[in-house]
Amino acid sequence: MPPPPSPRVSRPVMYHRWSEMTFIHWRYPPARVQALVPEGLTVETFDGTAWVGLTPFLMRDVRPPGLPALPGLSSFPETNLRTYVRDERGRSGIWFFSLDAGLLPAAVGGRTGYWLPYFWSDMSVEAEDGKIRYRCRRRLPGPSGARCDADVERGEPLGESELAHFLTARYRLFTVVAGRLAAAQVEHPDWPLHHARLLNLDQDLVQAGGLPVPEGPAVVHASPGVPVRVGMWTW
């Protein structure tokens, strides 16, 4: 089954490029994940289970419409902890348990502009010869020290995969604004996905998000990235 088409975001409020992306996913019991999402959202399943993903990557060329990307503010690392949900209108999307950003203004902007659970963290992304090294140590807000250190080797391009489509072809994020469920659309081309191998992982961001330690092997995909247009949230 082909992935769903990306929506057209006619009036973006931000432009991004998500680069050097790795998708690290584990299976979880649906009821365990459902307990952590807000009312009005239902956890989507594939092959009978819910899926929780860590997605470290590098934000590039971040800018609002009409302005150039600014040195020191337009590129920074980010790592998200997420799952996949559907609202009462039948719309699929992403629910974020946490988002760590390596730039303080980005973390503050994500919290104030989209009411998303952003954290400011010490982070780095280094890519060379098909290998990517991610480092993350949380700083603020709340207790510091949660981490995600990952070393990944990106392999050959991925063929058709229904599971990979389920985990990556997502064009909507959900958030709660002033106590009400809201959503924002995200436009980007199909991910150019690759096989990937997890060389090393030392993390407790999953546990910091309220979930038990992942069990079983991770499902890992990687991508050099896509350009992105982000819309404003609506009720």
C-alpha atoms as a PDB file:
ATOM      1  CA  MET A   1       0.000   0.000   0.000  1.00  0.00           C
ATOM      2  CA  PRO A   2       1.501   3.399  -0.957  1.00  0.00           C
ATOM      3  CA  PRO A   3       1.920   6.016   1.760  1.00  0.00           C
ATOM      4  CA  PRO A   4      -0.758   8.692   2.059  1.00  0.00           C
ATOM      5  CA  PRO A   5      -0.034  11.844   0.073  1.00  0.00           C
ATOM      6  CA  SER A   6       1.299  14.878   1.865  1.00  0.00           C
ATOM      7  CA  PRO A   7      -1.218  17.687   2.400  1.00  0.00           C
ATOM      8  CA  ARG A   8      -0.585  21.069   0.836  1.00  0.00           C
ATOM      9  CA  VAL A   9       0.266  23.690   3.447  1.00  0.00           C
ATOM     10  CA  SER A  10      -0.677  26.839   1.544  1.00  0.00           C
ATOM     11  CA  ARG A  11       0.222  29.268   4.332  1.00  0.00           C
ATOM     12  CA  PRO A  12       3.251  27.912   6.191  1.00  0.00           C
ATOM     13  CA  VAL A  13       4.383  29.659   9.340  1.00  0.00           C
ATOM     14  CA  MET A  14       7.815  27.977   9.271  1.00  0.00           C
ATOM     15  CA  TYR A  15      10.130  26.362   6.763  1.00  0.00           C
ATOM     16  CA  HIS A  16      12.524  23.594   7.841  1.00  0.00           C
ATOM     17  CA  ARG A  17      14.770  20.944   6.421  1.00  0.00           C
ATOM     18  CA  TRP A  18      14.905  17.774   8.511  1.00  0.00           C
ATOM     19  CA  SER A  19      18.324  16.241   7.810  1.00  0.00           C
ATOM     20  CA  GLU A  20      20.322  13.178   8.885  1.00  0.00           C
ATOM     21  CA  MET A  21      17.156  11.626  10.339  1.00  0.00           C
ATOM     22  CA  THR A  22      17.075   8.267  12.087  1.00  0.00           C
ATOM     23  CA  PHE A  23      13.831   6.548  13.108  1.00  0.00           C
ATOM     24  CA  ILE A  24      14.275   4.135  16.056  1.00  0.00           C
ATOM     25  CA  HIS A  25      11.043   2.313  16.940  1.00  0.00           C
ATOM     26  CA  TRP A  26       9.895  -0.267  19.460  1.00  0.00           C
ATOM     27  CA  ARG A  27       6.659  -2.159  19.997  1.00  0.00           C
ATOM     28  CA  TYR A  28       4.533  -1.370  23.072  1.00  0.00           C
ATOM     29  CA  PRO A  29       1.191  -2.662  24.370  1.00  0.00           C
ATOM     30  CA  PRO A  30      -1.485  -0.294  23.041  1.00  0.00           C
ATOM     31  CA  ALA A  31      -3.090   0.169  26.472  1.00  0.00           C
ATOM     32  CA  ARG A  32       0.237   1.237  27.983  1.00  0.00           C
ATOM     33  CA  VAL A  33       0.702   3.977  25.388  1.00  0.00           C
ATOM     34  CA  GLN A  34      -2.973   4.976  25.369  1.00  0.00           C
ATOM     35  CA  ALA A  35      -2.720   5.874  29.053  1.00  0.00           C
ATOM     36  CA  LEU A  36      -0.243   8.638  28.163  1.00  0.00           C
ATOM     37  CA  VAL A  37      -2.142  10.401  25.358  1.00  0.00           C
ATOM     38  CA  PRO A  38      -4.882  12.985  25.943  1.00  0.00           C
ATOM     39  CA  GLU A  39      -8.605  12.459  25.668  1.00  0.00           C
ATOM     40  CA  GLY A  40      -9.775  12.665  22.084  1.00  0.00           C
ATOM     41  CA  LEU A  41      -6.841  10.687  20.661  1.00  0.00           C
ATOM     42  CA  THR A  42      -6.645   6.927  20.079  1.00  0.00           C
ATOM     43  CA  VAL A  43      -3.333   5.153  19.631  1.00  0.00           C
ATOM     44  CA  GLU A  44      -2.964   3.633  16.172  1.00  0.00           C
ATOM     45  CA  THR A  45      -1.545   0.125  15.907  1.00  0.00           C
ATOM     46  CA  PHE A  46       0.306  -1.871  13.288  1.00  0.00           C
ATOM     47  CA  ASP A  47       0.617  -5.640  13.506  1.00  0.00           C
ATOM     48  CA  GLY A  48      -1.372  -5.564  16.747  1.00  0.00           C
ATOM     49  CA  THR A  49       0.918  -3.237  18.689  1.00  0.00           C
ATOM     50  CA  ALA A  50       1.502   0.433  19.336  1.00  0.00           C
ATOM     51  CA  TRP A  51       4.826   1.901  18.268  1.00  0.00           C
ATOM     52  CA  VAL A  52       7.006   4.419  20.090  1.00  0.00           C
ATOM     53  CA  GLY A  53       9.818   6.157  18.245  1.00  0.00           C
ATOM     54  CA  LEU A  54      12.973   8.075  19.046  1.00  0.00           C
ATOM     55  CA  THR A  55      13.858  10.299  16.092  1.00  0.00           C
ATOM     56  CA  PRO A  56      17.183  12.139  16.332  1.00  0.00           C
ATOM     57  CA  PHE A  57      17.985  14.491  13.459  1.00  0.00           C
ATOM     58  CA  LEU A  58      19.392  17.854  12.433  1.00  0.00           C
ATOM     59  CA  MET A  59      17.164  20.859  11.809  1.00  0.00           C
ATOM     60  CA  ARG A  60      18.466  23.034   8.967  1.00  0.00           C
ATOM     61  CA  ASP A  61      17.345  26.215   7.217  1.00  0.00           C
ATOM     62  CA  VAL A  62      14.742  27.019   9.880  1.00  0.00           C
ATOM     63  CA  ARG A  63      13.033  30.297   9.043  1.00  0.00           C
ATOM     64  CA  PRO A  64       9.640  31.993   8.920  1.00  0.00           C
ATOM     65  CA  PRO A  65       8.167  33.044   5.546  1.00  0.00           C
ATOM     66  CA  GLY A  66       9.775  36.085   4.000  1.00  0.00           C
ATOM     67  CA  LEU A  67      12.994  35.911   6.012  1.00  0.00           C
ATOM     68  CA  PRO A  68      16.343  34.244   5.325  1.00  0.00           C
ATOM     69  CA  ALA A  69      17.819  31.542   7.507  1.00  0.00           C
ATOM     70  CA  LEU A  70      19.928  33.261  10.177  1.00  0.00           C
ATOM     71  CA  PRO A  71      23.370  32.006  11.225  1.00  0.00           C
ATOM     72  CA  GLY A  72      23.296  30.551  14.733  1.00  0.00           C
ATOM     73  CA  LEU A  73      19.503  30.264  14.775  1.00  0.00           C
ATOM     74  CA  SER A  74      18.577  28.256  11.691  1.00  0.00           C
ATOM     75  CA  SER A  75      20.365  24.947  12.371  1.00  0.00           C
ATOM     76  CA  PHE A  76      20.342  22.806  15.514  1.00  0.00           C
ATOM     77  CA  PRO A  77      19.965  19.160  16.584  1.00  0.00           C
ATOM     78  CA  GLU A  78      16.656  17.762  17.771  1.00  0.00           C
ATOM     79  CA  THR A  79      15.447  14.438  19.178  1.00  0.00           C
ATOM     80  CA  ASN A  80      11.757  13.578  19.464  1.00  0.00           C
ATOM     81  CA  LEU A  81       9.937  10.861  21.407  1.00  0.00           C
ATOM     82  CA  ARG A  82       6.617  10.108  19.722  1.00  0.00           C
ATOM     83  CA  THR A  83       3.766   7.738  18.976  1.00  0.00           C
ATOM     84  CA  TYR A  84       1.007   7.537  16.362  1.00  0.00           C
ATOM     85  CA  VAL A  85      -2.599   8.459  16.983  1.00  0.00           C
ATOM     86  CA  ARG A  86      -5.944   9.227  15.396  1.00  0.00           C
ATOM     87  CA  ASP A  87      -8.415  11.883  16.538  1.00  0.00           C
ATOM     88  CA  GLU A  88     -12.199  11.643  16.762  1.00  0.00           C
ATOM     89  CA  ARG A  89     -12.479  12.997  13.207  1.00  0.00           C
ATOM     90  CA  GLY A  90     -10.423  10.088  11.919  1.00  0.00           C
ATOM     91  CA  ARG A  91      -7.282  12.131  11.211  1.00  0.00           C
ATOM     92  CA  SER A  92      -3.956  10.389  11.738  1.00  0.00           C
ATOM     93  CA  GLY A  93      -0.935  12.126  13.197  1.00  0.00           C
ATOM     94  CA  ILE A  94       1.844  12.222  15.764  1.00  0.00           C
ATOM     95  CA  TRP A  95       1.671  12.703  19.517  1.00  0.00           C
ATOM     96  CA  PHE A  96       4.939  13.890  21.059  1.00  0.00           C
ATOM     97  CA  PHE A  97       5.932  12.808  24.545  1.00  0.00           C
ATOM     98  CA  SER A  98       8.974  15.075  24.393  1.00  0.00           C
ATOM     99  CA  LEU A  99      11.098  17.115  21.997  1.00  0.00           C
ATOM    100  CA  ASP A 100      14.706  17.975  22.836  1.00  0.00           C
ATOM    101  CA  ALA A 101      16.301  20.855  20.950  1.00  0.00           C
ATOM    102  CA  GLY A 102      19.905  21.991  21.001  1.00  0.00           C
ATOM    103  CA  LEU A 103      18.953  25.667  20.756  1.00  0.00           C
ATOM    104  CA  LEU A 104      17.243  27.490  23.620  1.00  0.00           C
ATOM    105  CA  PRO A 105      15.155  29.887  21.445  1.00  0.00           C
ATOM    106  CA  ALA A 106      13.840  26.882  19.489  1.00  0.00           C
ATOM    107  CA  ALA A 107      12.784  25.112  22.686  1.00  0.00           C
ATOM    108  CA  VAL A 108      11.092  28.244  24.012  1.00  0.00           C
ATOM    109  CA  GLY A 109       9.388  28.883  20.668  1.00  0.00           C
ATOM    110  CA  GLY A 110       8.079  25.321  20.465  1.00  0.00           C
ATOM    111  CA  ARG A 111       6.606  25.563  23.956  1.00  0.00           C
ATOM    112  CA  THR A 112       5.036  29.004  23.510  1.00  0.00           C
ATOM    113  CA  GLY A 113       4.010  28.784  19.847  1.00  0.00           C
ATOM    114  CA  TYR A 114       2.791  25.177  19.644  1.00  0.00           C
ATOM    115  CA  TRP A 115       2.425  24.192  23.303  1.00  0.00           C
ATOM    116  CA  LEU A 116       4.691  21.218  22.669  1.00  0.00           C
ATOM    117  CA  PRO A 117       6.806  19.606  25.436  1.00  0.00           C
ATOM    118  CA  TYR A 118      10.153  20.993  24.279  1.00  0.00           C
ATOM    119  CA  PHE A 119      13.328  20.762  26.363  1.00  0.00           C
ATOM    120  CA  TRP A 120      16.612  22.581  25.964  1.00  0.00           C
ATOM    121  CA  SER A 121      19.479  20.100  25.725  1.00  0.00           C
ATOM    122  CA  ASP A 122      23.179  19.879  24.979  1.00  0.00           C
ATOM    123  CA  MET A 123      23.186  18.117  21.617  1.00  0.00           C
ATOM    124  CA  SER A 124      25.308  17.293  18.588  1.00  0.00           C
ATOM    125  CA  VAL A 125      24.965  15.472  15.270  1.00  0.00           C
ATOM    126  CA  GLU A 126      28.027  14.294  13.342  1.00  0.00           C
ATOM    127  CA  ALA A 127      27.712  12.463  10.020  1.00  0.00           C
ATOM    128  CA  GLU A 128      30.561  10.941   8.011  1.00  0.00           C
ATOM    129  CA  ASP A 129      30.869   8.029   5.575  1.00  0.00           C
ATOM    130  CA  GLY A 130      27.350   6.765   6.172  1.00  0.00           C
ATOM    131  CA  LYS A 131      27.661   6.793   9.959  1.00  0.00           C
ATOM    132  CA  ILE A 132      25.834   9.263  12.207  1.00  0.00           C
ATOM    133  CA  ARG A 133      26.681  10.083  15.814  1.00  0.00           C
ATOM    134  CA  TYR A 134      23.931  11.671  17.932  1.00  0.00           C
ATOM    135  CA  ARG A 135      24.465  13.033  21.432  1.00  0.00           C
ATOM    136  CA  CYS A 136      21.832  14.559  23.746  1.00  0.00           C
ATOM    137  CA  ARG A 137      21.847  15.611  27.424  1.00  0.00           C
ATOM    138  CA  ARG A 138      18.754  17.405  28.710  1.00  0.00           C
ATOM    139  CA  ARG A 139      19.213  20.727  30.540  1.00  0.00           C
ATOM    140  CA  LEU A 140      15.896  22.570  31.059  1.00  0.00           C
ATOM    141  CA  PRO A 141      13.107  22.602  32.151  1.00  0.00           C
ATOM    142  CA  GLY A 142      12.642  20.136  34.991  1.00  0.00           C
ATOM    143  CA  PRO A 143      15.202  17.586  36.181  1.00  0.00           C
ATOM    144  CA  SER A 144      18.231  17.565  33.880  1.00  0.00           C
ATOM    145  CA  GLY A 145      20.343  14.666  32.686  1.00  0.00           C
ATOM    146  CA  ALA A 146      17.990  12.576  30.524  1.00  0.00           C
ATOM    147  CA  ARG A 147      20.034  11.438  27.562  1.00  0.00           C
ATOM    148  CA  CYS A 148      20.059   9.835  24.152  1.00  0.00           C
ATOM    149  CA  ASP A 149      23.411   8.813  22.685  1.00  0.00           C
ATOM    150  CA  ALA A 150      23.081   6.876  19.444  1.00  0.00           C
ATOM    151  CA  ASP A 151      25.467   5.704  16.748  1.00  0.00           C
ATOM    152  CA  VAL A 152      23.829   4.638  13.496  1.00  0.00           C
ATOM    153  CA  GLU A 153      25.058   3.251  10.183  1.00  0.00           C
ATOM    154  CA  ARG A 154      22.909   4.122   7.174  1.00  0.00           C
ATOM    155  CA  GLY A 155      22.688   1.382   4.554  1.00  0.00           C
ATOM    156  CA  GLU A 156      21.107   0.789   1.174  1.00  0.00           C
ATOM    157  CA  PRO A 157      17.838   2.424   0.056  1.00  0.00           C
ATOM    158  CA  LEU A 158      14.730   0.751   1.443  1.00  0.00           C
ATOM    159  CA  GLY A 159      12.218  -0.857  -0.863  1.00  0.00           C
ATOM    160  CA  GLU A 160       8.466  -0.854  -0.361  1.00  0.00           C
ATOM    161  CA  SER A 161       7.578  -1.379   3.308  1.00  0.00           C
ATOM    162  CA  GLU A 162       4.118  -0.991   4.769  1.00  0.00           C
ATOM    163  CA  LEU A 163       5.529  -0.744   8.287  1.00  0.00           C
ATOM    164  CA  ALA A 164       8.005   1.980   7.282  1.00  0.00           C
ATOM    165  CA  HIS A 165       5.168   3.932   5.683  1.00  0.00           C
ATOM    166  CA  PHE A 166       3.098   3.617   8.853  1.00  0.00           C
ATOM    167  CA  LEU A 167       5.972   4.888  10.997  1.00  0.00           C
ATOM    168  CA  THR A 168       7.188   7.741   8.802  1.00  0.00           C
ATOM    169  CA  ALA A 169       4.423   8.991   6.462  1.00  0.00           C
ATOM    170  CA  ARG A 170       2.917  11.347   9.037  1.00  0.00           C
ATOM    171  CA  TYR A 171       1.761  14.838   8.117  1.00  0.00           C
ATOM    172  CA  ARG A 172      -0.006  16.111  11.206  1.00  0.00           C
ATOM    173  CA  LEU A 173       1.006  16.807  14.791  1.00  0.00           C
ATOM    174  CA  PHE A 174      -1.385  17.017  17.700  1.00  0.00           C
ATOM    175  CA  THR A 175      -1.011  19.250  20.714  1.00  0.00           C
ATOM    176  CA  VAL A 176      -3.162  20.566  23.550  1.00  0.00           C
ATOM    177  CA  VAL A 177      -3.611  24.341  23.540  1.00  0.00           C
ATOM    178  CA  ALA A 178      -5.295  25.913  26.572  1.00  0.00           C
ATOM    179  CA  GLY A 179      -6.836  22.553  27.454  1.00  0.00           C
ATOM    180  CA  ARG A 180      -8.192  21.860  23.959  1.00  0.00           C
ATOM    181  CA  LEU A 181      -6.919  19.403  21.374  1.00  0.00           C
ATOM    182  CA  ALA A 182      -5.384  21.145  18.351  1.00  0.00           C
ATOM    183  CA  ALA A 183      -3.541  19.995  15.239  1.00  0.00           C
ATOM    184  CA  ALA A 184      -1.093  21.398  12.705  1.00  0.00           C
ATOM    185  CA  GLN A 185      -0.347  20.063   9.229  1.00  0.00           C
ATOM    186  CA  VAL A 186       3.149  19.429   7.917  1.00  0.00           C
ATOM    187  CA  GLU A 187       3.990  19.189   4.215  1.00  0.00           C
ATOM    188  CA  HIS A 188       7.011  17.365   2.838  1.00  0.00           C
ATOM    189  CA  PRO A 189       7.857  14.935   0.016  1.00  0.00           C
ATOM    190  CA  ASP A 190       8.109  11.198   0.590  1.00  0.00           C
ATOM    191  CA  TRP A 191      11.002  10.244   2.844  1.00  0.00           C
ATOM    192  CA  PRO A 192      13.951   8.738   0.933  1.00  0.00           C
ATOM    193  CA  LEU A 193      14.302   5.881   3.408  1.00  0.00           C
ATOM    194  CA  HIS A 194      17.305   3.615   3.912  1.00  0.00           C
ATOM    195  CA  HIS A 195      18.013   0.483   5.867  1.00  0.00           C
ATOM    196  CA  ALA A 196      19.935   1.363   9.015  1.00  0.00           C
ATOM    197  CA  ARG A 197      21.833  -0.406  11.760  1.00  0.00           C
ATOM    198  CA  LEU A 198      21.973   0.737  15.371  1.00  0.00           C
ATOM    199  CA  LEU A 199      25.610   0.474  16.417  1.00  0.00           C
ATOM    200  CA  ASN A 200      25.124   1.842  19.924  1.00  0.00           C
ATOM    201  CA  LEU A 201      22.289   3.283  21.996  1.00  0.00           C
ATOM    202  CA  ASP A 202      22.450   4.675  25.515  1.00  0.00           C
ATOM    203  CA  GLN A 203      19.210   6.438  26.346  1.00  0.00           C
ATOM    204  CA  ASP A 204      16.630   7.136  29.020  1.00  0.00           C
ATOM    205  CA  LEU A 205      14.459   9.671  27.153  1.00  0.00           C
ATOM    206  CA  VAL A 206      11.860   6.921  26.718  1.00  0.00           C
ATOM    207  CA  GLN A 207      11.679   6.343  30.472  1.00  0.00           C
ATOM    208  CA  ALA A 208      11.660  10.116  31.123  1.00  0.00           C
ATOM    209  CA  GLY A 209       8.577  10.250  28.872  1.00  0.00           C
ATOM    210  CA  GLY A 210       6.684   7.922  31.203  1.00  0.00           C
ATOM    211  CA  LEU A 211       7.187   4.640  29.352  1.00  0.00           C
ATOM    212  CA  PRO A 212       8.932   1.474  30.525  1.00  0.00           C
ATOM    213  CA  VAL A 213      12.347   0.530  29.163  1.00  0.00           C
ATOM    214  CA  PRO A 214      11.972  -0.688  25.558  1.00  0.00           C
ATOM    215  CA  GLU A 215      12.021  -4.442  25.096  1.00  0.00           C
ATOM    216  CA  GLY A 216      13.012  -6.391  22.038  1.00  0.00           C
ATOM    217  CA  PRO A 217      14.996  -5.283  19.010  1.00  0.00           C
ATOM    218  CA  ALA A 218      14.467  -1.802  17.615  1.00  0.00           C
ATOM    219  CA  VAL A 219      13.218  -1.258  14.078  1.00  0.00           C
ATOM    220  CA  VAL A 220      15.567   1.296  12.513  1.00  0.00           C
ATOM    221  CA  HIS A 221      15.301   3.390   9.359  1.00  0.00           C
ATOM    222  CA  ALA A 222      17.336   6.399   8.242  1.00  0.00           C
ATOM    223  CA  SER A 223      16.967   9.218   5.738  1.00  0.00           C
ATOM    224  CA  PRO A 224      19.180  12.028   4.438  1.00  0.00           C
ATOM    225  CA  GLY A 225      16.170  14.299   4.925  1.00  0.00           C
ATOM    226  CA  VAL A 226      13.336  16.295   3.373  1.00  0.00           C
ATOM    227  CA  PRO A 227      12.301  19.967   3.071  1.00  0.00           C
ATOM    228  CA  VAL A 228       9.299  20.832   5.238  1.00  0.00           C
ATOM    229  CA  ARG A 229       6.505  23.423   5.369  1.00  0.00           C
ATOM    230  CA  VAL A 230       4.763  23.711   8.758  1.00  0.00           C
ATOM    231  CA  GLY A 231       1.266  25.120   9.175  1.00  0.00           C
ATOM    232  CA  MET A 232      -0.226  26.856  12.212  1.00  0.00           C
ATOM    233  CA  TRP A 233      -2.248  24.824  14.660  1.00  0.00           C
ATOM    234  CA  THR A 234      -6.032  24.940  14.445  1.00  0.00           C
ATOM    235  CA  TRP A 235      -8.780  23.617  16.698  1.00  0.00           C
END
